[in-house]
PDB file of N, CA and C in Angstrom:
ATOM      1  N   UNK A   1       7.589  10.569  -3.609  1.00  0.00           N
ATOM      2  CA  UNK A   1       7.966   9.459  -3.674  1.00  0.00           C
ATOM      3  C   UNK A   1       6.691   8.358  -4.126  1.00  0.00           C
ATOM      4  N   UNK A   2       6.730   7.614  -4.790  1.00  0.00           N
ATOM      5  CA  UNK A   2       5.668   6.722  -5.224  1.00  0.00           C
ATOM      6  C   UNK A   2       5.856   5.372  -4.576  1.00  0.00           C
ATOM      7  N   UNK A   3       5.118   4.780  -4.205  1.00  0.00           N
ATOM      8  CA  UNK A   3       5.246   3.321  -3.511  1.00  0.00           C
ATOM      9  C   UNK A   3       4.025   2.445  -4.532  1.00  0.00           C
ATOM     10  N   UNK A   4       4.351   1.377  -4.902  1.00  0.00           N
ATOM     11  CA  UNK A   4       3.506   0.367  -5.595  1.00  0.00           C
ATOM     12  C   UNK A   4       3.398  -0.835  -4.964  1.00  0.00           C
ATOM     13  N   UNK A   5       2.165  -1.289  -4.654  1.00  0.00           N
ATOM     14  CA  UNK A   5       1.846  -2.424  -3.985  1.00  0.00           C
ATOM     15  C   UNK A   5       1.082  -3.339  -4.703  1.00  0.00           C
ATOM     16  N   UNK A   6       1.680  -4.687  -4.878  1.00  0.00           N
ATOM     17  CA  UNK A   6       1.479  -5.571  -5.660  1.00  0.00           C
ATOM     18  C   UNK A   6       0.483  -6.599  -5.135  1.00  0.00           C
ATOM     19  N   UNK A   7       0.038  -7.587  -5.818  1.00  0.00           N
ATOM     20  CA  UNK A   7      -0.611  -8.912  -5.000  1.00  0.00           C
ATOM     21  C   UNK A   7       0.346  -9.738  -4.543  1.00  0.00           C
ATOM     22  N   UNK A   8      -0.105 -10.849  -3.939  1.00  0.00           N
ATOM     23  CA  UNK A   8       0.980 -11.706  -3.159  1.00  0.00           C
ATOM     24  C   UNK A   8       2.091 -12.490  -4.274  1.00  0.00           C
ATOM     25  N   UNK A   9       1.461 -12.493  -5.458  1.00  0.00           N
ATOM     26  CA  UNK A   9       2.394 -13.170  -6.554  1.00  0.00           C
ATOM     27  C   UNK A   9       3.353 -12.018  -7.042  1.00  0.00           C
ATOM     28  N   UNK A  10       2.961 -10.798  -6.909  1.00  0.00           N
ATOM     29  CA  UNK A  10       4.015  -9.529  -7.263  1.00  0.00           C
ATOM     30  C   UNK A  10       3.819  -9.468  -8.818  1.00  0.00           C
ATOM     31  N   UNK A  11       2.616  -9.608  -9.215  1.00  0.00           N
ATOM     32  CA  UNK A  11       2.488  -9.539 -10.817  1.00  0.00           C
ATOM     33  C   UNK A  11       1.310  -8.427 -11.148  1.00  0.00           C
ATOM     34  N   UNK A  12       0.318  -8.283 -10.105  1.00  0.00           N
ATOM     35  CA  UNK A  12      -0.772  -7.290 -10.392  1.00  0.00           C
ATOM     36  C   UNK A  12      -0.514  -6.154  -9.642  1.00  0.00           C
ATOM     37  N   UNK A  13      -0.505  -4.924 -10.084  1.00  0.00           N
ATOM     38  CA  UNK A  13      -0.341  -3.711  -9.329  1.00  0.00           C
ATOM     39  C   UNK A  13      -1.734  -3.720  -8.593  1.00  0.00           C
ATOM     40  N   UNK A  14      -1.978  -3.471  -7.216  1.00  0.00           N
ATOM     41  CA  UNK A  14      -3.070  -3.052  -6.827  1.00  0.00           C
ATOM     42  C   UNK A  14      -3.364  -1.573  -6.529  1.00  0.00           C
ATOM     43  N   UNK A  15      -2.338  -0.969  -5.949  1.00  0.00           N
ATOM     44  CA  UNK A  15      -2.404   0.368  -5.408  1.00  0.00           C
ATOM     45  C   UNK A  15      -1.173   0.964  -5.829  1.00  0.00           C
ATOM     46  N   UNK A  16      -1.086   2.339  -5.925  1.00  0.00           N
ATOM     47  CA  UNK A  16      -0.193   3.252  -6.246  1.00  0.00           C
ATOM     48  C   UNK A  16      -0.182   4.158  -5.336  1.00  0.00           C
ATOM     49  N   UNK A  17       0.672   4.598  -4.443  1.00  0.00           N
ATOM     50  CA  UNK A  17       0.583   5.692  -3.102  1.00  0.00           C
ATOM     51  C   UNK A  17       1.742   6.710  -3.411  1.00  0.00           C
ATOM     52  N   UNK A  18       1.332   8.040  -3.552  1.00  0.00           N
ATOM     53  CA  UNK A  18       2.105   9.031  -3.573  1.00  0.00           C
ATOM     54  C   UNK A  18       2.341   9.571  -2.318  1.00  0.00           C
ATOM     55  N   UNK A  19       3.654   9.613  -1.760  1.00  0.00           N
ATOM     56  CA  UNK A  19       3.904  10.202  -0.525  1.00  0.00           C
ATOM     57  C   UNK A  19       4.989  11.348  -0.631  1.00  0.00           C
ATOM     58  N   UNK A  20       4.896  12.325   0.274  1.00  0.00           N
ATOM     59  CA  UNK A  20       5.969  13.431   0.267  1.00  0.00           C
ATOM     60  C   UNK A  20       7.091  13.224   1.186  1.00  0.00           C
ATOM     61  N   UNK A  21       6.995  12.150   1.711  1.00  0.00           N
ATOM     62  CA  UNK A  21       8.081  11.749   2.718  1.00  0.00           C
ATOM     63  C   UNK A  21       8.427  10.311   2.475  1.00  0.00           C
ATOM     64  N   UNK A  22       9.671  10.119   2.761  1.00  0.00           N
ATOM     65  CA  UNK A  22      10.457   8.739   2.848  1.00  0.00           C
ATOM     66  C   UNK A  22      10.258   8.071   4.099  1.00  0.00           C
ATOM     67  N   UNK A  23       9.463   8.711   5.331  1.00  0.00           N
ATOM     68  CA  UNK A  23       9.468   8.210   6.635  1.00  0.00           C
ATOM     69  C   UNK A  23       8.148   7.470   6.916  1.00  0.00           C
ATOM     70  N   UNK A  24       7.345   7.177   5.814  1.00  0.00           N
ATOM     71  CA  UNK A  24       6.141   6.314   5.894  1.00  0.00           C
ATOM     72  C   UNK A  24       6.791   4.818   6.187  1.00  0.00           C
ATOM     73  N   UNK A  25       6.012   4.149   7.312  1.00  0.00           N
ATOM     74  CA  UNK A  25       6.295   2.610   7.312  1.00  0.00           C
ATOM     75  C   UNK A  25       5.181   1.795   7.587  1.00  0.00           C
ATOM     76  N   UNK A  26       4.001   2.471   7.573  1.00  0.00           N
ATOM     77  CA  UNK A  26       2.716   1.636   7.696  1.00  0.00           C
ATOM     78  C   UNK A  26       1.594   2.507   6.882  1.00  0.00           C
ATOM     79  N   UNK A  27       0.984   1.734   6.117  1.00  0.00           N
ATOM     80  CA  UNK A  27      -0.369   2.266   5.482  1.00  0.00           C
ATOM     81  C   UNK A  27      -1.398   1.384   5.742  1.00  0.00           C
ATOM     82  N   UNK A  28      -2.602   1.885   5.976  1.00  0.00           N
ATOM     83  CA  UNK A  28      -3.900   1.071   5.904  1.00  0.00           C
ATOM     84  C   UNK A  28      -4.674   1.496   4.768  1.00  0.00           C
ATOM     85  N   UNK A  29      -4.871   0.363   4.039  1.00  0.00           N
ATOM     86  CA  UNK A  29      -5.848   0.487   2.946  1.00  0.00           C
ATOM     87  C   UNK A  29      -7.146  -0.032   3.214  1.00  0.00           C
ATOM     88  N   UNK A  30      -8.353   0.738   2.995  1.00  0.00           N
ATOM     89  CA  UNK A  30      -9.457   0.224   3.080  1.00  0.00           C
ATOM     90  C   UNK A  30      -9.954  -0.354   1.865  1.00  0.00           C
ATOM     91  N   UNK A  31     -10.212  -1.631   1.642  1.00  0.00           N
ATOM     92  CA  UNK A  31     -10.588  -2.073   0.592  1.00  0.00           C
ATOM     93  C   UNK A  31     -12.069  -2.216   0.504  1.00  0.00           C
ATOM     94  N   UNK A  32     -12.808  -2.386   1.651  1.00  0.00           N
ATOM     95  CA  UNK A  32     -14.442  -2.510   1.463  1.00  0.00           C
ATOM     96  C   UNK A  32     -14.854  -1.900   2.862  1.00  0.00           C
ATOM     97  N   UNK A  33     -15.841  -1.490   3.054  1.00  0.00           N
ATOM     98  CA  UNK A  33     -16.206  -0.843   4.414  1.00  0.00           C
ATOM     99  C   UNK A  33     -16.290  -2.018   5.671  1.00  0.00           C
ATOM    100  N   UNK A  34     -15.520  -1.578   6.620  1.00  0.00           N
ATOM    101  CA  UNK A  34     -15.204  -2.587   7.632  1.00  0.00           C
ATOM    102  C   UNK A  34     -14.223  -3.678   7.676  1.00  0.00           C
ATOM    103  N   UNK A  35     -13.496  -3.537   6.500  1.00  0.00           N
ATOM    104  CA  UNK A  35     -12.468  -4.477   5.917  1.00  0.00           C
ATOM    105  C   UNK A  35     -11.129  -3.793   5.817  1.00  0.00           C
ATOM    106  N   UNK A  36     -10.212  -3.960   6.683  1.00  0.00           N
ATOM    107  CA  UNK A  36      -9.048  -3.089   6.342  1.00  0.00           C
ATOM    108  C   UNK A  36      -7.747  -4.023   6.172  1.00  0.00           C
ATOM    109  N   UNK A  37      -6.710  -3.444   5.335  1.00  0.00           N
ATOM    110  CA  UNK A  37      -5.601  -4.142   5.241  1.00  0.00           C
ATOM    111  C   UNK A  37      -4.489  -3.399   5.753  1.00  0.00           C
ATOM    112  N   UNK A  38      -3.617  -4.031   6.638  1.00  0.00           N
ATOM    113  CA  UNK A  38      -2.275  -3.085   6.879  1.00  0.00           C
ATOM    114  C   UNK A  38      -1.253  -3.647   6.103  1.00  0.00           C
ATOM    115  N   UNK A  39      -0.395  -2.805   5.729  1.00  0.00           N
ATOM    116  CA  UNK A  39       0.752  -3.209   4.723  1.00  0.00           C
ATOM    117  C   UNK A  39       2.018  -2.449   5.425  1.00  0.00           C
ATOM    118  N   UNK A  40       3.225  -3.019   5.595  1.00  0.00           N
ATOM    119  CA  UNK A  40       4.368  -2.436   5.862  1.00  0.00           C
ATOM    120  C   UNK A  40       4.994  -2.266   4.568  1.00  0.00           C
ATOM    121  N   UNK A  41       5.590  -0.948   4.472  1.00  0.00           N
ATOM    122  CA  UNK A  41       6.297  -0.341   3.240  1.00  0.00           C
ATOM    123  C   UNK A  41       7.566  -0.750   3.494  1.00  0.00           C
ATOM    124  N   UNK A  42       8.594  -1.172   2.636  1.00  0.00           N
ATOM    125  CA  UNK A  42      10.076  -1.455   2.758  1.00  0.00           C
ATOM    126  C   UNK A  42      10.830  -0.688   1.541  1.00  0.00           C
TER     127      UNK A  42
END
């Protein structure tokens, strides 16, 4: 399963995540050192 994460305007694709399970509900993306973004997948 591939999850696509867009910017806040949902126009620019920021990340594509491939997962082997549909049970993923939270992903932490590290953009810069010491700066984390938490994303809930729907």
